[in-house]
Protein backbone atom coordinates (compact mmCIF):
# COMPACT_ATOMS: atom_id res chain seq x y z
CA MET A 1 -9.51 -1.12 -7.78
CA GLN A 2 -8.58 -4.74 -8.40
CA ASN A 3 -5.33 -5.54 -6.60
CA ASN A 4 -5.67 -3.54 -3.42
CA PRO A 5 -2.91 -4.75 -1.04
CA LEU A 6 -5.11 -4.14 2.00
CA THR A 7 -7.83 -6.47 0.76
CA ILE A 8 -5.31 -9.10 -0.35
CA MET A 9 -3.18 -9.15 2.82
CA PHE A 10 -5.83 -8.63 5.48
CA GLN A 11 -9.08 -9.59 3.74
CA ILE A 12 -10.62 -6.21 4.56
CA ASP A 13 -13.96 -5.56 2.87
CA ARG A 14 -13.50 -3.34 -0.20
CA LYS A 15 -16.15 -0.91 1.05
CA TRP A 16 -13.51 0.23 3.58
CA THR A 17 -10.51 0.37 1.25
CA ASP A 18 -11.89 1.57 -2.10
CA PRO A 19 -12.50 5.16 -0.91
CA PHE A 20 -8.72 5.58 -0.46
CA LYS A 21 -8.23 4.95 -4.20
CA ASP A 22 -4.79 3.42 -3.52
CA THR A 23 -3.51 6.86 -2.47
CA LEU A 24 -1.47 7.93 0.55
CA GLU A 25 -0.82 11.61 1.20
CA THR A 26 2.09 12.56 3.47
CA TYR A 27 4.24 15.51 4.51
CA VAL A 28 7.43 13.65 3.59
CA PRO A 29 9.33 15.73 1.01
CA GLY A 30 9.35 13.98 -2.36
CA MET A 31 6.64 11.54 -1.24
CA GLU A 32 3.71 13.90 -0.75
CA LYS A 33 1.38 11.66 -2.71
CA MET A 34 2.06 8.02 -3.46
CA LYS A 35 0.27 4.76 -4.09
CA ILE A 36 -0.42 2.48 -1.13
CA SER A 37 0.37 -0.48 -3.38
CA GLU A 38 3.79 1.01 -4.18
CA LEU A 39 4.56 1.43 -0.47
CA ALA A 40 3.38 -2.13 0.20
CA GLY A 41 5.69 -3.37 -2.56
CA TRP A 42 8.66 -1.53 -1.06
CA THR A 43 7.86 -2.98 2.35
CA ALA A 44 7.60 -6.51 0.96
CA ASP A 45 10.93 -6.10 -0.89
CA ILE A 46 12.68 -4.97 2.29
CA VAL A 47 11.24 -7.85 4.30
CA MET A 48 12.37 -10.32 1.65
CA GLU A 49 15.91 -8.87 1.72
CA ILE A 50 16.04 -9.21 5.50
CA VAL A 51 14.59 -12.72 5.56
CA ASN A 52 16.76 -14.10 2.77
């Protein structure tokens, strides 16, 4: 996994993040399985809207 948002934002060693394979599993209807990078992108977009 090359562009893992956790390793980019927080400089976490890849040995801790790679096992997640950029996947988040939830009980939220319609979002049961999603990419962590997608969620990070949504979060960054919202922050940029608020800041600007």
